N, C-alpha and C. Protein backbone atom coordinates (compact mmCIF):
# COMPACT_ATOMS: atom_id res chain seq x y z
N MET A 1 -26.60 -33.25 -3.62
CA MET A 1 -26.38 -32.20 -4.42
C MET A 1 -25.74 -32.78 -5.69
N THR A 2 -26.27 -32.28 -6.80
CA THR A 2 -25.82 -32.78 -8.05
C THR A 2 -24.32 -32.18 -8.42
N LYS A 3 -23.83 -32.95 -9.24
CA LYS A 3 -22.45 -32.53 -9.72
C LYS A 3 -22.53 -30.81 -10.06
N ALA A 4 -23.45 -30.75 -11.17
CA ALA A 4 -23.58 -29.34 -11.63
C ALA A 4 -23.62 -28.27 -10.78
N LEU A 5 -24.54 -28.74 -9.70
CA LEU A 5 -24.71 -27.66 -8.49
C LEU A 5 -23.42 -27.40 -7.56
N ARG A 6 -22.76 -28.49 -7.49
CA ARG A 6 -21.59 -28.34 -6.70
C ARG A 6 -20.63 -27.49 -7.51
N ILE A 7 -20.49 -27.73 -8.92
CA ILE A 7 -19.54 -26.94 -9.76
C ILE A 7 -19.92 -25.53 -9.75
N ALA A 8 -21.30 -25.13 -9.78
CA ALA A 8 -21.75 -23.82 -9.89
C ALA A 8 -21.54 -23.18 -8.53
N ALA A 9 -21.85 -23.89 -7.41
CA ALA A 9 -21.42 -23.24 -6.12
C ALA A 9 -20.03 -22.83 -5.81
N THR A 10 -19.16 -23.84 -6.21
CA THR A 10 -17.62 -23.79 -6.11
C THR A 10 -17.02 -22.58 -7.08
N SER A 11 -17.71 -22.39 -8.24
CA SER A 11 -17.33 -21.50 -9.10
C SER A 11 -17.76 -20.09 -8.51
N ALA A 12 -18.98 -20.02 -7.91
CA ALA A 12 -19.49 -18.61 -7.33
C ALA A 12 -18.40 -18.23 -6.23
N MET A 13 -18.19 -19.19 -5.38
CA MET A 13 -17.15 -18.93 -4.24
C MET A 13 -15.96 -18.40 -4.53
N MET A 14 -15.31 -19.15 -5.77
CA MET A 14 -14.16 -18.71 -6.22
C MET A 14 -14.29 -17.22 -6.88
N VAL A 15 -15.25 -17.02 -7.55
CA VAL A 15 -15.44 -15.65 -8.15
C VAL A 15 -15.37 -14.63 -7.00
N THR A 16 -16.25 -14.94 -6.10
CA THR A 16 -16.36 -13.99 -4.85
C THR A 16 -15.13 -13.77 -4.15
N ALA A 17 -14.43 -14.73 -4.18
CA ALA A 17 -13.13 -14.67 -3.24
C ALA A 17 -12.05 -13.74 -4.24
N LEU A 18 -12.01 -13.95 -5.46
CA LEU A 18 -11.26 -13.21 -6.40
C LEU A 18 -11.52 -11.62 -6.41
N ILE A 19 -12.84 -11.54 -6.34
CA ILE A 19 -13.48 -9.94 -6.53
C ILE A 19 -13.03 -9.34 -5.13
N THR A 20 -13.17 -10.14 -4.02
CA THR A 20 -12.85 -9.50 -2.75
C THR A 20 -11.27 -9.11 -2.59
N LEU A 21 -10.65 -10.11 -3.07
CA LEU A 21 -9.09 -9.93 -3.19
C LEU A 21 -8.50 -8.59 -3.97
N SER A 22 -9.33 -8.61 -5.28
CA SER A 22 -8.90 -7.47 -6.05
C SER A 22 -9.19 -6.19 -5.45
N TYR A 23 -10.43 -6.00 -4.51
CA TYR A 23 -10.77 -4.82 -4.02
C TYR A 23 -9.74 -4.61 -2.87
N ALA A 24 -9.60 -5.43 -1.98
CA ALA A 24 -8.53 -5.38 -1.03
C ALA A 24 -7.27 -4.81 -1.40
N HIS A 25 -6.58 -5.35 -2.52
CA HIS A 25 -5.40 -5.06 -3.12
C HIS A 25 -5.34 -3.56 -3.59
N HIS A 26 -6.31 -3.19 -4.23
CA HIS A 26 -6.28 -1.81 -4.85
C HIS A 26 -7.00 -0.79 -4.03
N SER A 27 -7.01 -1.10 -2.74
CA SER A 27 -7.71 -0.11 -1.63
C SER A 27 -6.83 1.35 -1.71
N GLY A 28 -7.43 2.33 -1.74
CA GLY A 28 -6.84 3.61 -1.76
C GLY A 28 -7.27 4.38 -0.41
N THR A 29 -7.38 3.68 0.53
CA THR A 29 -8.20 4.30 1.86
C THR A 29 -6.88 5.06 2.57
N MET A 30 -5.77 4.79 2.24
CA MET A 30 -4.46 5.44 2.85
C MET A 30 -4.59 6.92 2.42
N PHE A 31 -5.22 7.28 1.04
CA PHE A 31 -5.19 8.49 0.50
C PHE A 31 -6.50 9.33 0.80
N ASP A 32 -6.47 10.75 1.01
CA ASP A 32 -7.57 11.58 1.39
C ASP A 32 -8.03 12.13 -0.16
N ASP A 33 -9.34 11.25 -0.58
CA ASP A 33 -9.65 11.81 -1.86
C ASP A 33 -10.62 13.06 -1.81
N LYS A 34 -10.74 13.62 -0.59
CA LYS A 34 -11.35 14.89 -0.51
C LYS A 34 -10.59 16.11 -0.71
N LYS A 35 -9.28 16.02 -0.80
CA LYS A 35 -8.39 17.14 -1.22
C LYS A 35 -7.24 16.76 -1.99
N GLN A 36 -6.72 17.71 -2.60
CA GLN A 36 -5.50 17.51 -3.58
C GLN A 36 -4.41 18.48 -3.06
N ILE A 37 -3.16 17.92 -3.35
CA ILE A 37 -1.99 18.73 -3.00
C ILE A 37 -1.25 18.97 -4.50
N THR A 38 -0.48 20.02 -4.55
CA THR A 38 0.27 20.12 -5.84
C THR A 38 1.51 20.81 -5.25
N VAL A 39 2.60 20.09 -5.95
CA VAL A 39 3.93 20.36 -5.75
C VAL A 39 4.86 20.67 -6.91
N GLU A 40 5.82 21.55 -6.86
CA GLU A 40 6.86 21.63 -7.82
C GLU A 40 8.20 20.88 -7.37
N GLY A 41 8.66 20.32 -8.45
CA GLY A 41 10.00 19.54 -7.88
C GLY A 41 10.77 19.00 -9.16
N VAL A 42 11.64 18.23 -8.95
CA VAL A 42 12.50 17.54 -9.94
C VAL A 42 12.45 15.91 -9.66
N VAL A 43 12.20 15.30 -10.75
CA VAL A 43 12.15 13.98 -10.65
C VAL A 43 13.41 13.29 -10.08
N LYS A 44 13.33 12.53 -9.14
CA LYS A 44 14.43 11.86 -8.53
C LYS A 44 14.50 10.47 -9.13
N GLU A 45 13.41 9.81 -9.15
CA GLU A 45 13.24 8.35 -9.88
C GLU A 45 11.92 7.94 -10.33
N PHE A 46 11.70 7.44 -11.36
CA PHE A 46 10.42 6.79 -11.75
C PHE A 46 10.51 5.33 -11.68
N GLN A 47 9.89 4.75 -10.60
CA GLN A 47 9.88 3.16 -10.38
C GLN A 47 8.73 2.61 -11.07
N TYR A 48 8.98 2.35 -12.47
CA TYR A 48 7.96 1.91 -13.45
C TYR A 48 7.65 0.40 -13.31
N THR A 49 7.00 0.03 -12.17
CA THR A 49 6.86 -1.41 -11.70
C THR A 49 5.46 -1.81 -11.36
N ASN A 50 5.32 -3.07 -11.39
CA ASN A 50 3.98 -3.74 -10.97
C ASN A 50 3.99 -3.97 -9.54
N PRO A 51 2.91 -4.05 -8.76
CA PRO A 51 1.65 -3.74 -9.22
C PRO A 51 1.45 -2.24 -9.21
N HIS A 52 2.29 -1.38 -8.72
CA HIS A 52 2.10 0.07 -8.72
C HIS A 52 3.29 0.75 -8.99
N SER A 53 3.14 1.66 -9.76
CA SER A 53 4.55 2.49 -10.12
C SER A 53 4.46 3.56 -9.14
N TRP A 54 5.75 4.29 -8.72
CA TRP A 54 5.98 5.27 -7.87
C TRP A 54 7.04 6.22 -8.74
N LEU A 55 6.28 7.67 -8.76
CA LEU A 55 7.14 8.77 -9.28
C LEU A 55 7.91 9.46 -8.01
N LEU A 56 9.19 9.56 -7.64
CA LEU A 56 9.49 10.26 -6.69
C LEU A 56 10.13 11.59 -7.14
N VAL A 57 9.91 12.52 -6.39
CA VAL A 57 9.89 13.82 -6.76
C VAL A 57 10.75 14.62 -5.58
N ASP A 58 11.80 15.32 -5.91
CA ASP A 58 12.55 16.24 -4.80
C ASP A 58 11.89 17.57 -4.88
N VAL A 59 11.26 17.96 -3.85
CA VAL A 59 10.79 19.28 -3.63
C VAL A 59 11.47 20.06 -2.70
N THR A 60 11.93 21.25 -3.05
CA THR A 60 12.64 22.38 -2.33
C THR A 60 11.77 22.97 -1.44
N ASN A 61 12.01 22.79 0.04
CA ASN A 61 10.95 23.44 0.81
C ASN A 61 11.45 24.96 0.94
N PRO A 62 10.69 26.09 1.54
CA PRO A 62 11.08 27.22 1.78
C PRO A 62 12.47 27.57 2.52
N ASP A 63 12.76 26.52 3.36
CA ASP A 63 14.03 26.74 4.28
C ASP A 63 15.16 26.16 3.67
N GLY A 64 15.09 25.87 2.17
CA GLY A 64 16.05 25.14 1.38
C GLY A 64 16.24 23.73 1.54
N THR A 65 15.74 23.02 2.58
CA THR A 65 15.79 21.60 2.69
C THR A 65 14.98 20.99 1.60
N VAL A 66 15.19 19.62 1.38
CA VAL A 66 14.51 18.82 0.19
C VAL A 66 13.65 17.81 0.72
N THR A 67 12.63 17.72 0.33
CA THR A 67 11.79 16.45 0.71
C THR A 67 11.40 15.73 -0.42
N THR A 68 11.63 14.48 -0.38
CA THR A 68 11.18 13.50 -1.45
C THR A 68 9.80 13.02 -1.38
N TRP A 69 9.08 13.40 -2.28
CA TRP A 69 7.53 12.94 -2.39
C TRP A 69 7.30 11.75 -3.15
N GLY A 70 6.48 10.85 -2.78
CA GLY A 70 6.21 9.69 -3.66
C GLY A 70 4.88 9.83 -4.16
N PHE A 71 4.73 9.67 -5.42
CA PHE A 71 3.41 9.65 -5.97
C PHE A 71 3.25 8.41 -6.64
N GLU A 72 2.09 7.51 -6.13
CA GLU A 72 1.58 6.39 -6.64
C GLU A 72 0.90 6.42 -7.81
N ALA A 73 0.99 5.46 -8.71
CA ALA A 73 0.22 5.26 -10.02
C ALA A 73 0.04 3.76 -10.03
N GLU A 74 -0.62 3.56 -11.31
CA GLU A 74 -0.94 2.21 -11.47
C GLU A 74 0.36 1.57 -12.22
N GLY A 75 0.23 0.23 -12.68
CA GLY A 75 1.60 -0.34 -13.03
C GLY A 75 1.62 0.10 -14.49
N PRO A 76 2.89 -0.52 -15.16
CA PRO A 76 3.28 0.00 -16.50
C PRO A 76 2.29 -0.21 -17.55
N ASN A 77 1.55 -1.39 -17.56
CA ASN A 77 0.36 -1.60 -18.60
C ASN A 77 -0.58 -0.49 -18.57
N THR A 78 -1.12 0.02 -17.44
CA THR A 78 -2.04 1.10 -17.18
C THR A 78 -1.36 2.27 -17.71
N LEU A 79 -0.33 2.62 -17.24
CA LEU A 79 0.48 3.84 -17.60
C LEU A 79 0.72 3.86 -19.17
N MET A 80 1.05 2.74 -19.77
CA MET A 80 1.32 2.85 -21.24
C MET A 80 -0.08 2.95 -21.87
N GLN A 81 -1.12 2.62 -21.32
CA GLN A 81 -2.52 2.90 -21.96
C GLN A 81 -2.68 4.37 -21.95
N ALA A 82 -2.16 4.97 -20.78
CA ALA A 82 -2.39 6.47 -20.66
C ALA A 82 -1.41 7.38 -21.16
N LYS A 83 -0.62 6.66 -22.10
CA LYS A 83 0.58 7.24 -22.83
C LYS A 83 1.59 7.87 -21.96
N ILE A 84 1.81 7.23 -20.81
CA ILE A 84 3.04 7.59 -19.99
C ILE A 84 4.11 6.59 -20.11
N ARG A 85 5.26 7.07 -20.44
CA ARG A 85 6.33 6.00 -20.71
C ARG A 85 7.46 6.39 -19.57
N ARG A 86 8.35 5.42 -19.28
CA ARG A 86 9.39 5.60 -18.20
C ARG A 86 10.12 6.89 -18.73
N SER A 87 10.42 7.01 -19.94
CA SER A 87 11.28 8.06 -20.57
C SER A 87 10.67 9.36 -20.25
N ASP A 88 9.37 9.54 -20.10
CA ASP A 88 8.72 10.88 -19.92
C ASP A 88 9.15 11.58 -18.72
N PHE A 89 9.69 10.87 -17.76
CA PHE A 89 10.17 11.42 -16.43
C PHE A 89 11.46 10.99 -15.97
N ALA A 90 12.43 11.37 -16.78
CA ALA A 90 13.91 10.85 -16.49
C ALA A 90 14.32 11.78 -15.26
N PRO A 91 15.21 11.06 -14.47
CA PRO A 91 15.83 11.93 -13.47
C PRO A 91 16.34 13.21 -13.78
N GLY A 92 15.94 14.41 -13.00
CA GLY A 92 16.29 15.77 -13.31
C GLY A 92 15.07 16.44 -14.11
N THR A 93 14.03 15.71 -14.46
CA THR A 93 12.97 16.47 -15.10
C THR A 93 12.24 17.36 -14.27
N LYS A 94 12.00 18.54 -14.51
CA LYS A 94 11.16 19.56 -13.67
C LYS A 94 9.67 19.29 -13.93
N ILE A 95 8.94 19.12 -12.84
CA ILE A 95 7.52 18.94 -13.01
C ILE A 95 6.54 19.58 -11.87
N THR A 96 5.20 19.80 -12.22
CA THR A 96 4.56 20.19 -11.13
C THR A 96 3.53 19.00 -11.16
N ILE A 97 3.25 18.40 -9.97
CA ILE A 97 2.58 17.25 -9.88
C ILE A 97 1.25 17.48 -8.65
N SER A 98 0.25 16.85 -9.04
CA SER A 98 -0.84 16.81 -8.08
C SER A 98 -1.22 15.44 -7.68
N GLY A 99 -1.89 15.37 -6.63
CA GLY A 99 -2.43 14.01 -6.16
C GLY A 99 -3.15 14.11 -4.85
N PHE A 100 -3.83 13.16 -4.51
CA PHE A 100 -4.56 12.98 -3.25
C PHE A 100 -3.50 12.46 -2.13
N PRO A 101 -3.34 13.32 -1.21
CA PRO A 101 -2.33 13.11 -0.28
C PRO A 101 -2.72 11.82 0.81
N MET A 102 -1.66 11.55 1.48
CA MET A 102 -1.61 10.61 2.53
C MET A 102 -2.35 11.08 3.67
N LYS A 103 -3.30 10.36 4.15
CA LYS A 103 -4.09 10.71 5.35
C LYS A 103 -3.22 11.12 6.63
N ASP A 104 -2.22 10.24 6.73
CA ASP A 104 -1.22 10.39 7.98
C ASP A 104 -0.24 11.47 7.78
N GLY A 105 -0.17 12.30 6.78
CA GLY A 105 0.55 13.37 6.49
C GLY A 105 2.01 13.11 6.08
N ARG A 106 2.24 11.92 5.73
CA ARG A 106 3.61 11.57 5.11
C ARG A 106 3.62 12.30 3.71
N PRO A 107 4.86 12.38 3.13
CA PRO A 107 4.86 13.20 1.87
C PRO A 107 4.68 12.05 0.66
N ALA A 108 3.56 11.88 0.49
CA ALA A 108 3.17 10.79 -0.62
C ALA A 108 1.75 11.08 -0.90
N ALA A 109 1.47 10.72 -2.14
CA ALA A 109 0.01 10.94 -2.66
C ALA A 109 -0.25 10.00 -3.73
N ALA A 110 -1.48 9.64 -4.08
CA ALA A 110 -1.87 9.20 -5.27
C ALA A 110 -1.82 10.21 -6.30
N TRP A 111 -1.12 9.85 -7.32
CA TRP A 111 -0.87 10.83 -8.39
C TRP A 111 -1.95 10.92 -9.36
N THR A 112 -2.42 12.06 -9.52
CA THR A 112 -3.56 12.47 -10.47
C THR A 112 -3.40 13.24 -11.78
N LYS A 113 -2.26 14.12 -11.59
CA LYS A 113 -1.77 14.97 -12.67
C LYS A 113 -0.45 15.25 -12.70
N ALA A 114 0.38 15.35 -13.71
CA ALA A 114 1.66 15.71 -13.71
C ALA A 114 1.92 16.84 -14.91
N VAL A 115 2.55 17.90 -14.92
CA VAL A 115 2.87 18.65 -15.96
C VAL A 115 4.41 18.87 -15.91
N ARG A 116 4.85 18.42 -17.31
CA ARG A 116 6.39 18.58 -17.34
C ARG A 116 6.65 20.03 -17.74
N ALA A 117 7.54 20.53 -17.01
CA ALA A 117 7.70 22.00 -17.28
C ALA A 117 8.46 22.44 -18.46
N SER A 118 9.21 21.49 -19.00
CA SER A 118 9.94 21.81 -20.34
C SER A 118 9.08 22.23 -21.49
N ASP A 119 7.90 21.58 -21.68
CA ASP A 119 6.84 21.73 -22.75
C ASP A 119 5.47 21.64 -22.27
N GLY A 120 5.16 21.78 -21.08
CA GLY A 120 3.80 21.93 -20.68
C GLY A 120 2.86 20.49 -20.79
N THR A 121 3.56 19.36 -21.29
CA THR A 121 2.72 18.23 -21.49
C THR A 121 2.03 17.79 -20.15
N GLU A 122 0.74 17.52 -20.19
CA GLU A 122 0.06 16.96 -19.07
C GLU A 122 -0.16 15.40 -19.11
N PHE A 123 -0.03 14.91 -18.05
CA PHE A 123 0.17 13.49 -17.79
C PHE A 123 -0.97 12.89 -16.62
N TYR A 124 -1.94 12.14 -17.11
CA TYR A 124 -2.79 11.73 -16.39
C TYR A 124 -2.80 10.16 -16.13
N PRO A 125 -2.29 9.60 -15.08
CA PRO A 125 -1.94 8.28 -14.98
C PRO A 125 -3.11 7.25 -15.03
N ARG A 126 -4.45 7.84 -14.81
CA ARG A 126 -5.52 7.15 -15.03
C ARG A 126 -6.42 7.31 -16.21
N GLY A 127 -5.76 8.19 -17.10
CA GLY A 127 -6.22 8.44 -18.49
C GLY A 127 -7.27 9.67 -18.40
N ARG A 128 -7.46 10.31 -17.34
CA ARG A 128 -8.42 11.37 -17.35
C ARG A 128 -8.13 12.23 -16.19
N SER A 129 -8.77 13.50 -16.43
CA SER A 129 -8.69 14.44 -15.36
C SER A 129 -9.33 13.96 -14.10
N PRO A 130 -8.72 14.18 -12.86
CA PRO A 130 -9.14 13.55 -11.75
C PRO A 130 -10.29 14.45 -11.02
N GLN A 131 -11.10 13.77 -10.38
CA GLN A 131 -12.32 14.58 -9.68
C GLN A 131 -12.18 14.31 -8.16
N ILE A 132 -12.16 15.30 -7.42
CA ILE A 132 -12.39 15.12 -6.01
C ILE A 132 -13.64 14.66 -5.54
N GLN A 133 -13.57 13.68 -4.78
CA GLN A 133 -14.85 12.89 -4.46
C GLN A 133 -15.64 13.88 -3.60
């Protein structure tokens, strides 16, 4: 095998491995992309971190108890491109938020849209309106 052929084969294997890893890391199989949930609540915390950010929202249930929902989004770089800053969701901010829920029923979802109650501003963490698959 020539040196050039070995280099090409090695490069192809490395690219394949990197692509496989990137798909595995960004798997959304835990979310049900066939339906969306929408809740109203108050921001508890915005974890604006890599590789994924989480917007934690306290939702008051009909019986008066509070459930904290977690809404997953991309990291800060992608959120900044979508014009979403950490300061947009300070603790105490009232919002209506939608997402693809967890398949196992836990109170979490892949964040698709949020609307800030104070001014009606809409936020799409992936830069566009979501589509149910």
